[in-house]
Protein backbone atom coordinates (compact mmCIF):
# COMPACT_ATOMS: atom_id res chain seq x y z
CA MET A 1 11.55 10.86 -11.97
CA PRO A 2 11.38 7.17 -9.86
CA GLY A 3 14.00 5.60 -11.07
CA PHE A 4 13.92 1.41 -12.23
CA GLN A 5 13.95 -0.02 -8.12
CA HIS A 6 11.61 1.96 -7.31
CA GLU A 7 9.31 2.17 -9.66
CA ASN A 8 9.96 -1.80 -10.03
CA PHE A 9 9.15 -2.46 -6.49
CA SER A 10 5.38 -0.54 -6.30
CA GLU A 11 4.57 -2.13 -10.26
CA ILE A 12 4.90 -5.14 -8.16
CA ILE A 13 3.33 -4.16 -4.74
CA GLY A 14 0.66 -2.50 -6.28
CA TYR A 15 0.29 -5.77 -7.91
CA LEU A 16 -0.29 -8.30 -5.19
CA VAL A 17 -2.22 -6.24 -3.04
CA THR A 18 -5.17 -5.67 -6.37
CA THR A 19 -4.60 -10.30 -7.25
CA PHE A 20 -5.63 -9.90 -3.61
CA LEU A 21 -8.72 -7.93 -3.34
CA LEU A 22 -9.07 -9.25 -6.52
CA MET A 23 -9.13 -13.62 -4.55
CA GLN A 24 -10.79 -11.59 -1.43
CA GLY A 25 -13.93 -10.06 -3.43
CA ILE A 26 -13.31 -7.01 -2.34
CA GLN A 27 -15.06 -3.54 -4.22
CA PHE A 28 -11.71 -1.70 -4.99
CA TYR A 29 -10.63 1.74 -6.96
CA PRO A 30 -6.71 1.70 -7.44
CA SER A 31 -6.37 5.13 -7.85
CA GLY A 32 -3.60 4.77 -8.71
CA SER A 33 -0.33 7.78 -7.25
CA MET A 34 -3.24 10.55 -7.73
CA THR A 35 -2.82 13.48 -5.97
CA GLN A 36 -4.45 13.66 -2.31
CA GLU A 37 -5.29 16.60 -0.82
CA LYS A 38 -6.95 19.36 0.76
CA GLU A 39 -7.01 22.65 -1.45
CA GLY A 40 -4.79 24.78 0.12
CA GLU A 41 -3.95 22.92 2.99
CA VAL A 42 -2.03 19.75 2.45
CA SER A 43 -1.08 18.23 -0.63
CA THR A 44 0.74 14.59 -1.53
CA GLN A 45 0.63 11.53 -3.22
CA ALA A 46 2.23 7.86 -2.72
CA ASP A 47 2.98 5.16 -4.98
CA LYS A 48 -0.19 3.46 -4.51
CA SER A 49 -3.63 3.63 -3.49
CA TYR A 50 -6.34 2.26 -3.05
CA CYS A 51 -10.54 3.31 -2.13
CA LEU A 52 -11.40 0.58 -1.12
CA GLY A 53 -15.89 -0.41 -1.26
CA GLU A 54 -16.24 3.08 -3.33
CA ALA A 55 -14.53 5.55 -5.60
CA LYS A 56 -13.72 8.57 -3.06
CA PRO A 57 -11.14 11.54 -3.49
CA ILE A 58 -8.87 10.25 0.24
CA PRO A 59 -8.12 7.14 -0.83
CA ASP A 60 -8.76 3.84 2.21
CA LEU A 61 -4.71 2.36 1.94
CA SER A 62 -2.27 4.23 0.60
CA ILE A 63 1.48 2.56 0.18
CA GLU A 64 4.87 4.37 -0.36
CA VAL A 65 7.46 2.02 -2.30
CA VAL A 66 10.59 4.93 -0.30
CA TYR A 67 14.33 4.89 -2.02
CA THR A 68 15.76 8.23 -1.93
CA SER A 69 13.10 10.59 -0.17
CA GLY A 70 9.98 10.16 1.86
CA GLY A 71 8.90 7.24 4.86
CA LEU A 72 7.79 8.33 8.32
CA SER A 73 8.08 12.37 7.32
CA LYS A 74 4.37 11.99 4.96
CA LEU A 75 2.32 11.07 7.88
CA PRO A 76 1.94 14.64 8.92
CA LYS A 77 0.60 15.64 5.68
CA TYR A 78 -1.86 11.65 5.42
CA ARG A 79 -2.68 11.96 8.47
CA MET A 80 -4.08 16.28 7.97
CA LEU A 81 -5.43 14.07 4.75
CA GLY A 82 -7.49 11.39 7.05
CA VAL A 83 -5.81 8.38 4.50
CA PRO A 84 -6.87 5.46 7.50
CA GLU A 85 -3.74 3.48 6.62
CA VAL A 86 -0.68 4.37 5.09
CA TRP A 87 2.23 1.23 4.21
CA PHE A 88 5.92 2.11 3.85
CA TRP A 89 7.78 -1.16 2.20
CA GLU A 90 12.30 0.31 2.69
CA ASP A 91 15.01 -2.29 2.16
CA GLY A 92 13.14 -5.39 1.91
CA THR A 93 10.90 -4.23 4.93
CA LEU A 94 6.61 -3.53 4.91
CA ARG A 95 5.68 -1.12 7.73
CA LEU A 96 1.94 -0.23 8.45
CA TYR A 97 0.76 2.54 10.11
CA HIS A 98 -3.06 3.15 11.09
CA LEU A 99 -4.89 6.44 11.74
CA ARG A 100 -5.69 6.23 15.44
CA GLU A 101 -7.22 10.40 17.09
CA THR A 102 -4.25 11.47 18.36
CA GLY A 103 -1.79 10.09 15.17
CA TYR A 104 -0.42 7.28 13.59
CA GLU A 105 0.54 3.87 15.25
CA GLU A 106 2.36 1.51 13.79
CA VAL A 107 0.32 -1.82 13.96
CA ASN A 108 1.04 -5.88 13.47
CA GLN A 109 -1.64 -5.90 10.16
CA SER A 110 -3.96 -4.09 7.94
CA GLU A 111 -7.14 -2.84 9.63
CA LEU A 112 -9.00 -2.32 7.45
CA PRO A 113 -11.80 -3.65 6.39
CA GLY A 114 -11.34 -7.16 4.53
CA LEU A 115 -7.19 -6.12 4.50
CA ALA A 116 -7.29 -7.50 8.13
CA SER A 117 -6.76 -11.44 6.75
CA LEU A 118 -3.45 -10.47 4.03
CA ASP A 119 -0.96 -12.32 5.38
CA LEU A 120 1.37 -9.72 6.25
CA ASP A 121 4.71 -12.89 6.19
CA LEU A 122 3.57 -13.64 1.99
CA LEU A 123 3.40 -10.30 0.54
CA LYS A 124 6.72 -9.20 2.01
CA ARG A 125 7.77 -13.06 0.94
CA CYS A 126 6.36 -12.52 -2.29
CA ILE A 127 7.52 -8.54 -2.26
CA LEU A 128 11.03 -9.79 -2.92
CA LEU A 129 10.81 -12.57 -5.40
CA GLY A 130 8.55 -10.08 -7.59
CA GLU A 131 11.67 -8.67 -7.62
CA THR A 132 13.36 -10.91 -10.56
CA SER A 133 10.66 -12.95 -11.82
CA LEU A 134 6.54 -11.12 -11.19
CA ALA A 135 5.27 -14.42 -12.46
CA GLU A 136 6.91 -16.93 -10.26
CA ALA A 137 5.69 -14.27 -7.57
CA VAL A 138 2.62 -14.02 -7.75
CA GLN A 139 1.51 -18.31 -8.76
CA VAL A 140 3.51 -18.77 -5.29
CA PHE A 141 1.42 -15.42 -3.86
CA GLN A 142 -2.10 -16.86 -4.95
CA GLN A 143 -1.32 -20.22 -3.91
CA GLY A 144 -0.61 -19.01 -0.67
CA LEU A 145 -4.44 -17.13 -0.44
CA SER A 146 -5.84 -20.36 -1.85
CA ALA A 147 -3.56 -22.70 1.05
């Protein structure tokens, strides 16, 4: 079972990403940690996941909070599922991977429609701030998005 720190960061990241999507007017469906699977082939669960535009069986974005297990070793599963983008939060660092024909490539900015304009430095700063005050993190994040 995930511990408090893992779940706390998962919720902070989810809240901030949701805030961004709402403020940008992007149609989305949060799919949480639902099981993503291809029957009989592969199955996995992200900590947070989002379908952009419309609800679908495989989300556009899966987010992993890495504490004791998981991490990049899950990328082959996500590739088999065809998840376009996977983000990993580990040790205060956010790393993004976008699916290409040959596999995932680490990218410096989201390549998903609508998320390409997300200021990742602001997001990272607010994730860390959220560890001590979610309210302050959201306020700083919203102000940064409005600037």
